[in-house]
Amino acid sequence: MKSSQKWLSIVLLTVILGANSITGCSSSDPINSETNQNDNQEQTNHQDQLDITVSIIPQKYFVKKIGGDRVKVNVMVQQGAVPDTYEPKPQQLQALSEAEAYIGIGVPFETVWMNRISQANPKLLTIDSSEGIERLTMTDHDHGDDHDHNEDENTLDPHIWLSPRLVKIQAQKIYETLVTLDPKYQEMYQNNLNNFLQEIEELDDKIKEHLADLKQRKFIVFHPAWGYFAEEYNLTQVPVEVGGQEPSAAELGNLIKEAKKENIKVIFAQPELSSQAAKTIAKEINGEVLLISPVAEDWSSNLLEVSQTFEKVLKKENN
């Protein structure tokens, strides 16, 4: 009898354990379930993003400020490359077949490649964010009478992203583009735009504060990327090269004379370009070369840092 009871107990225990095992397998783990739902939501949100392509890195900053997580931004001219001479890679042209909008800014490579970009995706919405902006002419500084002028030296200056005032116009174009593509999120884009415009206002105030009391307002720069910035903040840009042409020996001589006359001790260059001519001038004036980039990823912080660099250098040169 005891043996039968023992056997029955074993059977019942087995049945209970088996039932628990089945129940455990069939029921959902709340934690895993929630994780899966979050993963699925994130994947859905990612798939739902607007696919936007821009020309240069600072534009990515602008688009993300306004579009937030609703946009995925691809940049044509990657870090270290030069917009003036850039040639898109085949895989970039292929990726454009899935893009919903291309936001240009008027850099030289767009003129050459825009037809091919449109061919890669006939349905692509193409926007020129420089439309309505009065462009400066990249004219040569007066280095001497023997300079061989050519058409390249009279092209329009594309560096409109280095002016906070002009970035406001570009931001409006970006906002309108996103609303056209994604109207149900118009309110979010509008709020983001307002916040970005406020950021630009605060940046502008800080830059003005840094540059307000300078007596020396002239600076020598290798590539004339800072014309709009100089115009906006009452500075004078003296370029070493214009239109892709490095200066002749006579022009270098004139620049050196001017630097000595103005007590200029710093030649500004950019990391994306050769700075050999800038180094030559710096050596002759017992000065130095400082690198400032016009295409840094963090646009706002970069402009503020550049203004601080100008303040420090120009105050020192005035003494």
Protein backbone atom coordinates (compact mmCIF):
# COMPACT_ATOMS: atom_id res chain seq x y z
CA MET A 1 0.00 0.00 0.00
CA LYS A 2 2.80 2.33 0.93
CA SER A 3 4.52 1.43 -2.31
CA SER A 4 1.38 2.31 -4.28
CA GLN A 5 1.02 5.63 -2.49
CA LYS A 6 4.66 6.44 -3.16
CA TRP A 7 4.20 5.61 -6.85
CA LEU A 8 1.05 7.77 -7.03
CA SER A 9 2.86 10.71 -5.43
CA ILE A 10 5.62 10.48 -8.04
CA VAL A 11 3.07 10.47 -10.86
CA LEU A 12 1.22 13.50 -9.45
CA LEU A 13 4.51 15.43 -8.98
CA THR A 14 5.49 14.67 -12.56
CA VAL A 15 2.14 15.89 -13.87
CA ILE A 16 2.34 19.13 -11.84
CA LEU A 17 5.91 19.87 -13.01
CA GLY A 18 4.96 19.16 -16.59
CA ALA A 19 1.98 21.50 -16.39
CA ASN A 20 4.13 24.28 -14.94
CA SER A 21 6.66 23.76 -17.71
CA ILE A 22 3.97 24.01 -20.38
CA THR A 23 2.46 27.09 -18.74
CA GLY A 24 5.88 28.73 -18.55
CA CYS A 25 6.54 28.13 -22.23
CA SER A 26 3.19 29.42 -23.38
CA SER A 27 3.04 32.57 -21.25
CA SER A 28 4.80 35.80 -22.29
CA ASP A 29 7.71 37.20 -20.31
CA PRO A 30 6.62 40.81 -19.61
CA ILE A 31 10.21 42.10 -19.82
CA ASN A 32 11.06 40.31 -23.06
CA SER A 33 7.70 41.28 -24.51
CA GLU A 34 8.27 44.96 -23.72
CA THR A 35 11.80 44.80 -25.17
CA ASN A 36 10.51 43.24 -28.38
CA GLN A 37 7.82 45.91 -28.66
CA ASN A 38 10.43 48.67 -28.22
CA ASP A 39 12.70 47.07 -30.81
CA ASN A 40 9.82 46.78 -33.25
CA GLN A 41 8.80 50.39 -32.61
CA GLU A 42 12.37 51.60 -33.12
CA GLN A 43 12.60 49.62 -36.35
CA THR A 44 9.27 51.05 -37.53
CA ASN A 45 10.37 54.60 -36.66
CA HIS A 46 13.65 54.08 -38.49
CA GLN A 47 11.86 52.80 -41.58
CA ASP A 48 9.48 55.77 -41.41
CA GLN A 49 12.26 58.38 -41.39
CA LEU A 50 12.62 60.86 -44.24
CA ASP A 51 15.69 60.10 -46.33
CA ILE A 52 17.39 63.46 -47.00
CA THR A 53 20.66 64.04 -48.85
CA VAL A 54 22.68 67.24 -48.49
CA SER A 55 25.87 68.51 -50.07
CA ILE A 56 28.10 69.38 -47.11
CA ILE A 57 28.45 68.45 -43.45
CA PRO A 58 27.14 71.72 -41.90
CA GLN A 59 23.84 71.17 -43.72
CA LYS A 60 23.38 67.92 -41.80
CA TYR A 61 23.48 70.01 -38.63
CA PHE A 62 20.74 72.28 -40.00
CA VAL A 63 18.48 69.45 -41.18
CA LYS A 64 18.81 67.49 -37.94
CA LYS A 65 18.06 70.59 -35.88
CA ILE A 66 14.76 71.00 -37.70
CA GLY A 67 13.90 67.39 -38.55
CA GLY A 68 15.12 65.70 -35.38
CA ASP A 69 14.59 61.94 -35.30
CA ARG A 70 12.18 62.17 -38.22
CA VAL A 71 15.07 62.51 -40.68
CA LYS A 72 18.00 60.43 -41.80
CA VAL A 73 20.64 62.67 -43.40
CA ASN A 74 23.24 61.57 -45.94
CA VAL A 75 26.15 63.90 -46.77
CA MET A 76 27.80 63.92 -50.18
CA VAL A 77 31.06 65.74 -49.36
CA GLN A 78 32.53 63.81 -46.44
CA GLN A 79 34.98 65.06 -43.81
CA GLY A 80 38.35 65.99 -45.32
CA ALA A 81 37.02 66.43 -48.87
CA VAL A 82 36.70 69.78 -50.64
CA PRO A 83 33.29 70.89 -52.03
CA ASP A 84 34.93 72.80 -54.90
CA THR A 85 36.45 69.71 -56.52
CA TYR A 86 34.39 66.86 -55.09
CA GLU A 87 33.20 63.97 -57.27
CA PRO A 88 30.41 61.79 -55.81
CA LYS A 89 31.21 58.11 -55.41
CA PRO A 90 29.15 55.57 -57.40
CA GLN A 91 27.64 54.17 -54.19
CA GLN A 92 26.48 57.66 -53.23
CA LEU A 93 24.70 58.09 -56.54
CA GLN A 94 23.17 54.66 -56.04
CA ALA A 95 21.99 55.60 -52.52
CA LEU A 96 20.25 58.65 -53.97
CA SER A 97 17.79 56.32 -55.68
CA GLU A 98 16.14 55.89 -52.25
CA ALA A 99 16.35 59.52 -51.11
CA GLU A 100 13.23 61.66 -50.93
CA ALA A 101 14.92 65.06 -51.18
CA TYR A 102 18.25 66.60 -52.11
CA ILE A 103 18.97 69.94 -50.46
CA GLY A 104 21.71 71.78 -52.32
CA ILE A 105 23.60 74.86 -51.20
CA GLY A 106 25.32 76.12 -54.35
CA VAL A 107 28.77 74.53 -54.02
CA PRO A 108 30.60 73.99 -57.34
CA PHE A 109 30.26 70.22 -57.62
CA GLU A 110 26.45 70.51 -57.69
CA THR A 111 26.54 72.33 -61.03
CA VAL A 112 28.46 69.48 -62.61
CA TRP A 113 26.66 66.59 -60.95
CA MET A 114 23.05 67.70 -60.46
CA ASN A 115 21.87 66.15 -63.75
CA ARG A 116 23.34 62.78 -62.78
CA ILE A 117 21.87 63.12 -59.29
CA SER A 118 18.42 63.73 -60.82
CA GLN A 119 18.87 60.79 -63.18
CA ALA A 120 19.62 58.52 -60.23
CA ASN A 121 16.15 59.30 -58.87
CA PRO A 122 13.68 61.11 -61.17
CA LYS A 123 11.19 61.42 -58.28
CA LEU A 124 13.77 63.16 -56.08
CA LEU A 125 12.68 66.53 -54.70
CA THR A 126 15.61 68.89 -55.30
CA ILE A 127 15.88 72.11 -53.33
CA ASP A 128 18.40 74.94 -53.68
CA SER A 129 18.72 76.41 -50.19
CA SER A 130 20.78 79.31 -51.56
CA GLU A 131 17.81 80.59 -53.58
CA GLY A 132 16.99 84.19 -52.69
CA ILE A 133 20.41 84.82 -51.14
CA GLU A 134 22.52 87.56 -52.69
CA ARG A 135 25.88 85.95 -53.32
CA LEU A 136 29.24 87.66 -52.92
CA THR A 137 31.78 87.59 -55.73
CA MET A 138 35.03 85.87 -54.91
CA THR A 139 37.29 88.63 -56.23
CA ASP A 140 41.04 88.66 -55.99
CA HIS A 141 42.80 90.77 -53.41
CA ASP A 142 45.05 93.36 -55.05
CA HIS A 143 48.36 91.51 -54.97
CA GLY A 144 49.90 93.32 -57.91
CA ASP A 145 49.46 94.38 -61.53
CA ASP A 146 51.08 91.28 -63.00
CA HIS A 147 48.33 88.94 -61.82
CA ASP A 148 46.72 86.89 -64.59
CA HIS A 149 42.99 87.28 -63.98
CA ASN A 150 40.64 84.62 -65.26
CA GLU A 151 36.98 83.72 -65.07
CA ASP A 152 37.45 81.41 -62.09
CA GLU A 153 38.33 84.39 -59.91
CA ASN A 154 34.93 86.00 -60.52
CA THR A 155 32.73 83.10 -59.50
CA LEU A 156 30.09 83.51 -56.83
CA ASP A 157 31.13 82.67 -53.29
CA PRO A 158 29.33 79.47 -52.18
CA HIS A 159 30.20 79.70 -48.45
CA ILE A 160 26.80 81.01 -47.36
CA TRP A 161 26.62 78.60 -44.40
CA LEU A 162 29.26 80.67 -42.56
CA SER A 163 26.86 83.58 -42.06
CA PRO A 164 24.36 83.12 -39.21
CA ARG A 165 22.05 85.63 -40.89
CA LEU A 166 22.01 83.61 -44.12
CA VAL A 167 21.62 80.30 -42.30
CA LYS A 168 18.24 81.57 -41.08
CA ILE A 169 17.12 81.73 -44.72
CA GLN A 170 18.45 78.24 -45.39
CA ALA A 171 16.70 76.93 -42.27
CA GLN A 172 13.37 78.24 -43.56
CA LYS A 173 13.91 76.41 -46.87
CA ILE A 174 14.71 73.19 -45.02
CA TYR A 175 11.60 73.54 -42.87
CA GLU A 176 9.40 74.05 -45.94
CA THR A 177 10.94 70.99 -47.59
CA LEU A 178 10.27 68.74 -44.59
CA VAL A 179 6.69 69.97 -44.27
CA THR A 180 6.09 69.31 -47.97
CA LEU A 181 7.30 65.72 -47.56
CA ASP A 182 5.85 65.09 -44.11
CA PRO A 183 2.94 67.49 -43.42
CA LYS A 184 1.50 65.62 -40.43
CA TYR A 185 4.58 66.58 -38.40
CA GLN A 186 4.39 70.25 -39.36
CA GLU A 187 3.94 71.44 -35.78
CA MET A 188 7.03 69.58 -34.60
CA TYR A 189 9.11 70.97 -37.47
CA GLN A 190 7.85 74.47 -36.70
CA ASN A 191 8.83 74.17 -33.04
CA ASN A 192 12.25 72.82 -33.98
CA LEU A 193 12.72 75.65 -36.47
CA ASN A 194 11.85 78.24 -33.84
CA ASN A 195 14.33 76.67 -31.43
CA PHE A 196 17.04 76.65 -34.09
CA LEU A 197 16.42 80.28 -35.00
CA GLN A 198 16.74 81.14 -31.32
CA GLU A 199 20.03 79.24 -31.19
CA ILE A 200 21.28 81.25 -34.16
CA GLU A 201 20.27 84.52 -32.47
CA GLU A 202 22.18 83.59 -29.33
CA LEU A 203 25.22 82.53 -31.38
CA ASP A 204 25.14 85.81 -33.29
CA ASP A 205 25.08 87.80 -30.04
CA LYS A 206 28.09 85.88 -28.69
CA ILE A 207 30.10 86.35 -31.89
CA LYS A 208 29.35 90.09 -31.90
CA GLU A 209 30.49 90.27 -28.30
CA HIS A 210 33.80 88.61 -29.16
CA LEU A 211 34.49 90.82 -32.17
CA ALA A 212 32.99 94.15 -31.11
CA ASP A 213 36.01 96.03 -29.74
CA LEU A 214 38.72 94.93 -32.17
CA LYS A 215 40.82 97.68 -33.73
CA GLN A 216 42.65 95.29 -36.06
CA ARG A 217 39.89 93.85 -38.26
CA LYS A 218 41.94 92.48 -41.15
CA PHE A 219 43.03 88.85 -41.41
CA ILE A 220 44.90 86.82 -44.03
CA VAL A 221 43.40 83.48 -44.98
CA PHE A 222 44.64 80.93 -47.50
CA HIS A 223 41.28 79.98 -49.05
CA PRO A 224 38.67 82.79 -49.09
CA ALA A 225 35.91 80.87 -47.33
CA TRP A 226 35.13 83.53 -44.73
CA GLY A 227 33.82 86.36 -46.89
CA TYR A 228 30.22 86.21 -45.62
CA PHE A 229 31.38 85.89 -42.03
CA ALA A 230 33.73 88.86 -42.50
CA GLU A 231 31.01 90.99 -44.10
CA GLU A 232 28.54 90.20 -41.33
CA TYR A 233 30.94 91.11 -38.52
CA ASN A 234 32.79 94.02 -40.12
CA LEU A 235 36.05 92.17 -40.76
CA THR A 236 38.27 92.25 -43.86
CA GLN A 237 39.34 88.98 -45.43
CA VAL A 238 42.64 89.02 -47.35
CA PRO A 239 42.89 85.80 -49.41
CA VAL A 240 46.11 84.07 -50.42
CA GLU A 241 44.50 82.08 -53.23
CA VAL A 242 41.35 82.77 -55.21
CA GLY A 243 39.56 80.56 -57.69
CA GLY A 244 41.84 77.63 -56.95
CA GLN A 245 44.91 79.56 -58.09
CA GLU A 246 47.87 79.82 -55.73
CA PRO A 247 49.69 83.17 -55.71
CA SER A 248 52.73 83.93 -57.85
CA ALA A 249 56.06 84.87 -56.29
CA ALA A 250 55.25 88.55 -56.82
CA GLU A 251 51.86 88.14 -55.15
CA LEU A 252 53.42 86.37 -52.20
CA GLY A 253 55.85 89.26 -51.89
CA ASN A 254 52.99 91.76 -51.81
CA LEU A 255 51.12 89.73 -49.20
CA ILE A 256 54.22 89.57 -47.03
CA LYS A 257 54.65 93.35 -47.28
CA GLU A 258 51.02 93.90 -46.33
CA ALA A 259 51.25 91.47 -43.40
CA LYS A 260 54.30 93.30 -42.04
CA LYS A 261 52.66 96.69 -42.54
CA GLU A 262 49.50 95.58 -40.69
CA ASN A 263 51.48 93.68 -38.03
CA ILE A 264 49.67 90.48 -39.03
CA LYS A 265 51.30 87.47 -37.39
CA VAL A 266 48.81 84.70 -38.18
CA ILE A 267 47.85 83.18 -41.52
CA PHE A 268 44.63 81.20 -41.36
CA ALA A 269 44.34 77.98 -43.37
CA GLN A 270 41.94 75.05 -43.37
CA PRO A 271 42.77 71.41 -42.70
CA GLU A 272 41.10 70.24 -45.92
CA LEU A 273 43.58 72.12 -48.15
CA SER A 274 47.33 72.40 -48.60
CA SER A 275 48.75 75.25 -46.56
CA GLN A 276 52.23 75.47 -48.07
CA ALA A 277 51.79 79.03 -49.36
CA ALA A 278 50.42 80.06 -45.97
CA LYS A 279 53.46 78.54 -44.28
CA THR A 280 55.75 80.46 -46.63
CA ILE A 281 54.13 83.77 -45.67
CA ALA A 282 54.14 82.88 -41.97
CA LYS A 283 57.84 82.10 -42.09
CA GLU A 284 58.66 85.43 -43.73
CA ILE A 285 56.73 87.43 -41.12
CA ASN A 286 57.90 85.33 -38.17
CA GLY A 287 54.31 84.28 -37.66
CA GLU A 288 52.33 81.07 -37.59
CA VAL A 289 49.60 79.18 -39.42
CA LEU A 290 46.35 78.44 -37.60
CA LEU A 291 43.79 75.99 -38.96
CA ILE A 292 40.08 76.83 -38.98
CA SER A 293 37.59 74.66 -40.83
CA PRO A 294 34.57 76.04 -42.70
CA VAL A 295 32.95 72.59 -42.85
CA ALA A 296 33.05 71.38 -39.24
CA GLU A 297 30.20 69.09 -38.19
CA ASP A 298 29.12 71.08 -35.13
CA TRP A 299 28.33 74.28 -36.99
CA SER A 300 27.32 76.43 -34.02
CA SER A 301 30.24 75.49 -31.77
CA ASN A 302 32.66 75.87 -34.66
CA LEU A 303 31.60 79.43 -35.52
CA LEU A 304 31.77 80.42 -31.87
CA GLU A 305 35.26 78.93 -31.59
CA VAL A 306 36.39 80.68 -34.77
CA SER A 307 35.15 84.01 -33.41
CA GLN A 308 37.09 83.43 -30.20
CA THR A 309 40.20 82.62 -32.25
CA PHE A 310 39.81 85.81 -34.30
CA GLU A 311 39.34 87.81 -31.10
CA LYS A 312 42.51 86.41 -29.53
CA VAL A 313 44.65 86.76 -32.66
CA LEU A 314 43.47 90.20 -33.80
CA LYS A 315 43.76 91.71 -30.31
CA LYS A 316 47.33 90.43 -30.11
CA GLU A 317 48.20 91.77 -33.58
CA ASN A 318 46.89 95.21 -32.63
CA ASN A 319 49.46 95.53 -29.83
